[in-house]
Amino acid sequence: MCRESCICPILPTVQTQTKFLILRHIGEAERSSNTGRLVALAMPNAQILSCGGGDRLGLPSLDHELLQSPGTWLLWPDGTSSSMDMRDEMPPQQLVVLDATWRQARRLYNRTPILQTMPRLALPAPAQNRNRLRQQHRSDGMSTIEVVAAAVALVEGAEIAEPLEKLFDEVVRRTFNRRWGIKQL
């Protein structure tokens, strides 16, 4: 990556009470548009585990103890009402995020029974006028960093999530500039 696109100087540190376990599909690991790695770099309470691809790749199976920790929820579109007031509920202590395309995420979800047993957290619909790194094929489609920022805002407050939102917008801006040959300011 060239020096102009390096995000190291703008990478925030976002401290949260909630832990984030990012299950990143192996197909996402090398994609330059993958934002799960940005979450892990910005959030000390985030961890990435590689998964997907079936047994043929020799990846270790997911640690079910880690997924069964008390207070672990799955961030998934058909979860509890997104208007849920976290002050009335015991907030999640750990959120599992599937860092994958929708197709990969559905397959991972269907092949991992423990994910199906977790309480689920759904998010409000994303802003439709926001620039994104990839074209979304679903109206509720978001990148991993957007999903995590929305979850942080819902569970811990918008002010804690704001640095992640700004980081995403800056990465998108720089990516568009690089793709279309616009010099950085």
C-alpha atoms as a PDB file:
ATOM      1  CA  MET A   1       0.000   0.000   0.000  1.00  0.00           C
ATOM      2  CA  CYS A   2       1.369   3.401  -0.853  1.00  0.00           C
ATOM      3  CA  ARG A   3       2.170   5.992   1.771  1.00  0.00           C
ATOM      4  CA  GLU A   4      -0.772   8.224   0.779  1.00  0.00           C
ATOM      5  CA  SER A   5      -3.268   5.511   1.595  1.00  0.00           C
ATOM      6  CA  CYS A   6      -1.713   4.444   4.915  1.00  0.00           C
ATOM      7  CA  ILE A   7      -4.303   4.814   7.648  1.00  0.00           C
ATOM      8  CA  CYS A   8      -1.902   4.309  10.570  1.00  0.00           C
ATOM      9  CA  PRO A   9      -1.816   8.022  11.490  1.00  0.00           C
ATOM     10  CA  ILE A  10      -5.618   8.255  11.615  1.00  0.00           C
ATOM     11  CA  LEU A  11      -6.346   4.899  13.286  1.00  0.00           C
ATOM     12  CA  PRO A  12      -8.310   5.584  16.484  1.00  0.00           C
ATOM     13  CA  THR A  13      -8.301   3.516  19.643  1.00  0.00           C
ATOM     14  CA  VAL A  14     -11.883   2.705  20.563  1.00  0.00           C
ATOM     15  CA  GLN A  15     -12.313   1.286  24.054  1.00  0.00           C
ATOM     16  CA  THR A  16     -15.523  -0.638  24.646  1.00  0.00           C
ATOM     17  CA  GLN A  17     -16.923  -2.675  27.483  1.00  0.00           C
ATOM     18  CA  THR A  18     -18.311  -5.126  24.938  1.00  0.00           C
ATOM     19  CA  LYS A  19     -15.933  -7.629  23.383  1.00  0.00           C
ATOM     20  CA  PHE A  20     -16.173  -8.263  19.638  1.00  0.00           C
ATOM     21  CA  LEU A  21     -15.351 -11.648  18.190  1.00  0.00           C
ATOM     22  CA  ILE A  22     -15.026 -11.338  14.422  1.00  0.00           C
ATOM     23  CA  LEU A  23     -15.413 -14.593  12.541  1.00  0.00           C
ATOM     24  CA  ARG A  24     -13.733 -13.680   9.271  1.00  0.00           C
ATOM     25  CA  HIS A  25     -14.346 -15.951   6.319  1.00  0.00           C
ATOM     26  CA  ILE A  26     -11.042 -16.930   4.752  1.00  0.00           C
ATOM     27  CA  GLY A  27     -12.218 -15.464   1.457  1.00  0.00           C
ATOM     28  CA  GLU A  28     -12.205 -12.011   3.069  1.00  0.00           C
ATOM     29  CA  ALA A  29      -8.709 -12.092   4.547  1.00  0.00           C
ATOM     30  CA  GLU A  30      -6.855 -10.813   1.480  1.00  0.00           C
ATOM     31  CA  ARG A  31      -9.478  -8.413   0.126  1.00  0.00           C
ATOM     32  CA  SER A  32      -8.372  -4.800   0.248  1.00  0.00           C
ATOM     33  CA  SER A  33     -11.995  -3.797   0.922  1.00  0.00           C
ATOM     34  CA  ASN A  34     -12.204  -5.956   4.058  1.00  0.00           C
ATOM     35  CA  THR A  35     -12.921  -3.743   7.060  1.00  0.00           C
ATOM     36  CA  GLY A  36     -12.896  -6.429   9.759  1.00  0.00           C
ATOM     37  CA  ARG A  37      -9.163  -5.904  10.105  1.00  0.00           C
ATOM     38  CA  LEU A  38      -9.753  -2.188  10.726  1.00  0.00           C
ATOM     39  CA  VAL A  39     -12.042  -3.078  13.622  1.00  0.00           C
ATOM     40  CA  ALA A  40      -9.387  -5.325  15.141  1.00  0.00           C
ATOM     41  CA  LEU A  41      -6.724  -2.633  14.731  1.00  0.00           C
ATOM     42  CA  ALA A  42      -8.872   0.108  16.281  1.00  0.00           C
ATOM     43  CA  MET A  43     -10.501  -1.854  19.091  1.00  0.00           C
ATOM     44  CA  PRO A  44      -8.444  -3.543  21.805  1.00  0.00           C
ATOM     45  CA  ASN A  45     -11.547  -5.576  22.736  1.00  0.00           C
ATOM     46  CA  ALA A  46     -11.850  -7.117  19.251  1.00  0.00           C
ATOM     47  CA  GLN A  47     -10.418 -10.402  18.053  1.00  0.00           C
ATOM     48  CA  ILE A  48     -10.439 -12.003  14.587  1.00  0.00           C
ATOM     49  CA  LEU A  49     -10.759 -15.736  14.040  1.00  0.00           C
ATOM     50  CA  SER A  50     -10.458 -17.262  10.558  1.00  0.00           C
ATOM     51  CA  CYS A  51     -13.230 -19.605   9.520  1.00  0.00           C
ATOM     52  CA  GLY A  52     -15.121 -20.900   6.515  1.00  0.00           C
ATOM     53  CA  GLY A  53     -13.989 -22.828   3.515  1.00  0.00           C
ATOM     54  CA  GLY A  54     -15.058 -26.169   4.952  1.00  0.00           C
ATOM     55  CA  ASP A  55     -12.842 -28.905   6.334  1.00  0.00           C
ATOM     56  CA  ARG A  56     -10.683 -29.063   3.210  1.00  0.00           C
ATOM     57  CA  LEU A  57      -8.521 -26.130   4.286  1.00  0.00           C
ATOM     58  CA  GLY A  58      -7.394 -27.524   7.613  1.00  0.00           C
ATOM     59  CA  LEU A  59      -8.471 -24.540   9.702  1.00  0.00           C
ATOM     60  CA  PRO A  60      -9.029 -25.391  13.349  1.00  0.00           C
ATOM     61  CA  SER A  61     -12.689 -25.621  14.276  1.00  0.00           C
ATOM     62  CA  LEU A  62     -14.220 -22.713  16.140  1.00  0.00           C
ATOM     63  CA  ASP A  63     -13.674 -22.686  19.890  1.00  0.00           C
ATOM     64  CA  HIS A  64     -17.155 -23.427  21.187  1.00  0.00           C
ATOM     65  CA  GLU A  65     -16.181 -22.363  24.721  1.00  0.00           C
ATOM     66  CA  LEU A  66     -15.367 -18.911  23.389  1.00  0.00           C
ATOM     67  CA  LEU A  67     -18.703 -18.807  21.589  1.00  0.00           C
ATOM     68  CA  GLN A  68     -20.586 -20.046  24.662  1.00  0.00           C
ATOM     69  CA  SER A  69     -19.237 -17.428  27.060  1.00  0.00           C
ATOM     70  CA  PRO A  70     -22.067 -15.933  29.132  1.00  0.00           C
ATOM     71  CA  GLY A  71     -23.511 -12.819  27.530  1.00  0.00           C
ATOM     72  CA  THR A  72     -22.437 -13.752  23.982  1.00  0.00           C
ATOM     73  CA  TRP A  73     -24.808 -12.554  21.265  1.00  0.00           C
ATOM     74  CA  LEU A  74     -24.728 -12.865  17.496  1.00  0.00           C
ATOM     75  CA  LEU A  75     -24.988  -9.752  15.361  1.00  0.00           C
ATOM     76  CA  TRP A  76     -27.515 -10.946  12.760  1.00  0.00           C
ATOM     77  CA  PRO A  77     -30.211  -9.207  10.699  1.00  0.00           C
ATOM     78  CA  ASP A  78     -33.179 -11.166  12.048  1.00  0.00           C
ATOM     79  CA  GLY A  79     -32.410 -10.639  15.698  1.00  0.00           C
ATOM     80  CA  THR A  80     -34.307  -8.912  18.455  1.00  0.00           C
ATOM     81  CA  SER A  81     -36.047  -5.677  17.547  1.00  0.00           C
ATOM     82  CA  SER A  82     -33.503  -2.995  16.747  1.00  0.00           C
ATOM     83  CA  SER A  83     -35.584  -0.526  18.752  1.00  0.00           C
ATOM     84  CA  MET A  84     -34.748  -2.536  21.854  1.00  0.00           C
ATOM     85  CA  ASP A  85     -33.685  -0.294  24.703  1.00  0.00           C
ATOM     86  CA  MET A  86     -30.395  -1.601  26.041  1.00  0.00           C
ATOM     87  CA  ARG A  87     -31.113  -0.025  29.409  1.00  0.00           C
ATOM     88  CA  ASP A  88     -33.993  -2.488  29.809  1.00  0.00           C
ATOM     89  CA  GLU A  89     -31.986  -5.525  28.716  1.00  0.00           C
ATOM     90  CA  MET A  90     -28.795  -7.075  29.995  1.00  0.00           C
ATOM     91  CA  PRO A  91     -26.444  -5.821  27.266  1.00  0.00           C
ATOM     92  CA  PRO A  92     -24.244  -8.325  25.488  1.00  0.00           C
ATOM     93  CA  GLN A  93     -20.808  -8.842  26.971  1.00  0.00           C
ATOM     94  CA  GLN A  94     -19.520 -10.217  23.668  1.00  0.00           C
ATOM     95  CA  LEU A  95     -20.851  -9.793  20.139  1.00  0.00           C
ATOM     96  CA  VAL A  96     -20.012 -12.296  17.420  1.00  0.00           C
ATOM     97  CA  VAL A  97     -19.731 -10.644  14.001  1.00  0.00           C
ATOM     98  CA  LEU A  98     -19.582 -12.611  10.758  1.00  0.00           C
ATOM     99  CA  ASP A  99     -17.099 -10.862   8.479  1.00  0.00           C
ATOM    100  CA  ALA A 100     -18.143 -12.291   5.135  1.00  0.00           C
ATOM    101  CA  THR A 101     -20.309 -11.746   2.100  1.00  0.00           C
ATOM    102  CA  TRP A 102     -24.007 -12.505   2.674  1.00  0.00           C
ATOM    103  CA  ARG A 103     -23.622 -15.836   0.912  1.00  0.00           C
ATOM    104  CA  GLN A 104     -20.579 -16.803   2.988  1.00  0.00           C
ATOM    105  CA  ALA A 105     -22.249 -15.601   6.202  1.00  0.00           C
ATOM    106  CA  ARG A 106     -25.421 -17.624   5.596  1.00  0.00           C
ATOM    107  CA  ARG A 107     -23.374 -20.727   4.852  1.00  0.00           C
ATOM    108  CA  LEU A 108     -21.235 -20.240   7.962  1.00  0.00           C
ATOM    109  CA  TYR A 109     -24.353 -19.660  10.058  1.00  0.00           C
ATOM    110  CA  ASN A 110     -26.084 -22.772   8.693  1.00  0.00           C
ATOM    111  CA  ARG A 111     -22.998 -24.944   9.200  1.00  0.00           C
ATOM    112  CA  THR A 112     -22.293 -23.749  12.745  1.00  0.00           C
ATOM    113  CA  PRO A 113     -25.177 -24.848  14.980  1.00  0.00           C
ATOM    114  CA  ILE A 114     -23.888 -22.947  18.003  1.00  0.00           C
ATOM    115  CA  LEU A 115     -24.425 -19.643  16.157  1.00  0.00           C
ATOM    116  CA  GLN A 116     -28.091 -20.552  15.715  1.00  0.00           C
ATOM    117  CA  THR A 117     -28.584 -20.888  19.486  1.00  0.00           C
ATOM    118  CA  MET A 118     -27.254 -17.438  20.421  1.00  0.00           C
ATOM    119  CA  PRO A 119     -29.435 -14.459  21.233  1.00  0.00           C
ATOM    120  CA  ARG A 120     -29.297 -12.111  18.246  1.00  0.00           C
ATOM    121  CA  LEU A 121     -28.884  -8.392  17.957  1.00  0.00           C
ATOM    122  CA  ALA A 122     -30.300  -6.682  14.868  1.00  0.00           C
ATOM    123  CA  LEU A 123     -29.359  -3.167  13.837  1.00  0.00           C
ATOM    124  CA  PRO A 124     -31.301  -0.253  12.401  1.00  0.00           C
ATOM    125  CA  ALA A 125     -31.215   0.021   8.604  1.00  0.00           C
ATOM    126  CA  PRO A 126     -28.075   1.751   7.301  1.00  0.00           C
ATOM    127  CA  ALA A 127     -28.030   5.130   5.613  1.00  0.00           C
ATOM    128  CA  GLN A 128     -28.661   4.555   1.913  1.00  0.00           C
ATOM    129  CA  ASN A 129     -26.790   7.635   0.731  1.00  0.00           C
ATOM    130  CA  ARG A 130     -23.460   6.651   2.276  1.00  0.00           C
ATOM    131  CA  ASN A 131     -20.493   5.807   0.071  1.00  0.00           C
ATOM    132  CA  ARG A 132     -19.246   2.261   0.518  1.00  0.00           C
ATOM    133  CA  LEU A 133     -16.209   0.220  -0.501  1.00  0.00           C
ATOM    134  CA  ARG A 134     -18.327  -2.452  -2.193  1.00  0.00           C
ATOM    135  CA  GLN A 135     -21.648  -2.367  -3.967  1.00  0.00           C
ATOM    136  CA  GLN A 136     -24.374  -3.662  -1.661  1.00  0.00           C
ATOM    137  CA  HIS A 137     -26.877  -6.134  -3.062  1.00  0.00           C
ATOM    138  CA  ARG A 138     -29.176  -5.852  -0.039  1.00  0.00           C
ATOM    139  CA  SER A 139     -30.828  -2.768   1.387  1.00  0.00           C
ATOM    140  CA  ASP A 140     -29.520  -3.675   4.854  1.00  0.00           C
ATOM    141  CA  GLY A 141     -25.996  -4.452   3.611  1.00  0.00           C
ATOM    142  CA  MET A 142     -23.105  -2.905   5.522  1.00  0.00           C
ATOM    143  CA  SER A 143     -19.395  -3.463   5.853  1.00  0.00           C
ATOM    144  CA  THR A 144     -18.040  -5.049   9.006  1.00  0.00           C
ATOM    145  CA  ILE A 145     -16.782  -1.763  10.433  1.00  0.00           C
ATOM    146  CA  GLU A 146     -20.201  -0.164   9.836  1.00  0.00           C
ATOM    147  CA  VAL A 147     -21.919  -3.072  11.574  1.00  0.00           C
ATOM    148  CA  VAL A 148     -19.579  -2.884  14.554  1.00  0.00           C
ATOM    149  CA  ALA A 149     -19.953   0.909  14.788  1.00  0.00           C
ATOM    150  CA  ALA A 150     -23.754   0.563  14.709  1.00  0.00           C
ATOM    151  CA  ALA A 151     -23.632  -2.127  17.401  1.00  0.00           C
ATOM    152  CA  VAL A 152     -21.341  -0.012  19.589  1.00  0.00           C
ATOM    153  CA  ALA A 153     -23.702   2.941  19.163  1.00  0.00           C
ATOM    154  CA  LEU A 154     -26.696   0.808  20.141  1.00  0.00           C
ATOM    155  CA  VAL A 155     -25.061  -0.908  23.102  1.00  0.00           C
ATOM    156  CA  GLU A 156     -22.634   1.718  24.448  1.00  0.00           C
ATOM    157  CA  GLY A 157     -23.554   5.031  22.830  1.00  0.00           C
ATOM    158  CA  ALA A 158     -23.035   6.977  19.626  1.00  0.00           C
ATOM    159  CA  GLU A 159     -20.115   8.980  21.007  1.00  0.00           C
ATOM    160  CA  ILE A 160     -18.068   5.815  21.502  1.00  0.00           C
ATOM    161  CA  ALA A 161     -18.900   4.609  17.982  1.00  0.00           C
ATOM    162  CA  GLU A 162     -18.136   7.923  16.273  1.00  0.00           C
ATOM    163  CA  PRO A 163     -14.382   7.297  15.733  1.00  0.00           C
ATOM    164  CA  LEU A 164     -15.208   4.061  13.879  1.00  0.00           C
ATOM    165  CA  GLU A 165     -17.711   5.890  11.665  1.00  0.00           C
ATOM    166  CA  LYS A 166     -15.136   8.584  10.872  1.00  0.00           C
ATOM    167  CA  LEU A 167     -12.468   5.976  10.151  1.00  0.00           C
ATOM    168  CA  PHE A 168     -14.759   4.173   7.704  1.00  0.00           C
ATOM    169  CA  ASP A 169     -15.683   7.391   5.906  1.00  0.00           C
ATOM    170  CA  GLU A 170     -12.017   8.363   5.596  1.00  0.00           C
ATOM    171  CA  VAL A 171     -11.009   4.930   4.285  1.00  0.00           C
ATOM    172  CA  VAL A 172     -13.807   5.132   1.692  1.00  0.00           C
ATOM    173  CA  ARG A 173     -12.731   8.649   0.705  1.00  0.00           C
ATOM    174  CA  ARG A 174      -9.098   7.595   0.285  1.00  0.00           C
ATOM    175  CA  THR A 175     -10.055   4.468  -1.639  1.00  0.00           C
ATOM    176  CA  PHE A 176     -12.230   6.445  -4.059  1.00  0.00           C
ATOM    177  CA  ASN A 177      -9.449   8.992  -4.511  1.00  0.00           C
ATOM    178  CA  ARG A 178      -6.915   6.263  -5.241  1.00  0.00           C
ATOM    179  CA  ARG A 179      -9.248   4.421  -7.643  1.00  0.00           C
ATOM    180  CA  TRP A 180     -10.087   7.514  -9.630  1.00  0.00           C
ATOM    181  CA  GLY A 181      -6.643   9.129  -9.547  1.00  0.00           C
ATOM    182  CA  ILE A 182      -7.459  12.042  -7.272  1.00  0.00           C
ATOM    183  CA  LYS A 183      -4.510  13.328  -5.259  1.00  0.00           C
ATOM    184  CA  GLN A 184      -4.778  13.278  -1.469  1.00  0.00           C
ATOM    185  CA  LEU A 185      -5.243  16.635   0.200  1.00  0.00           C
END
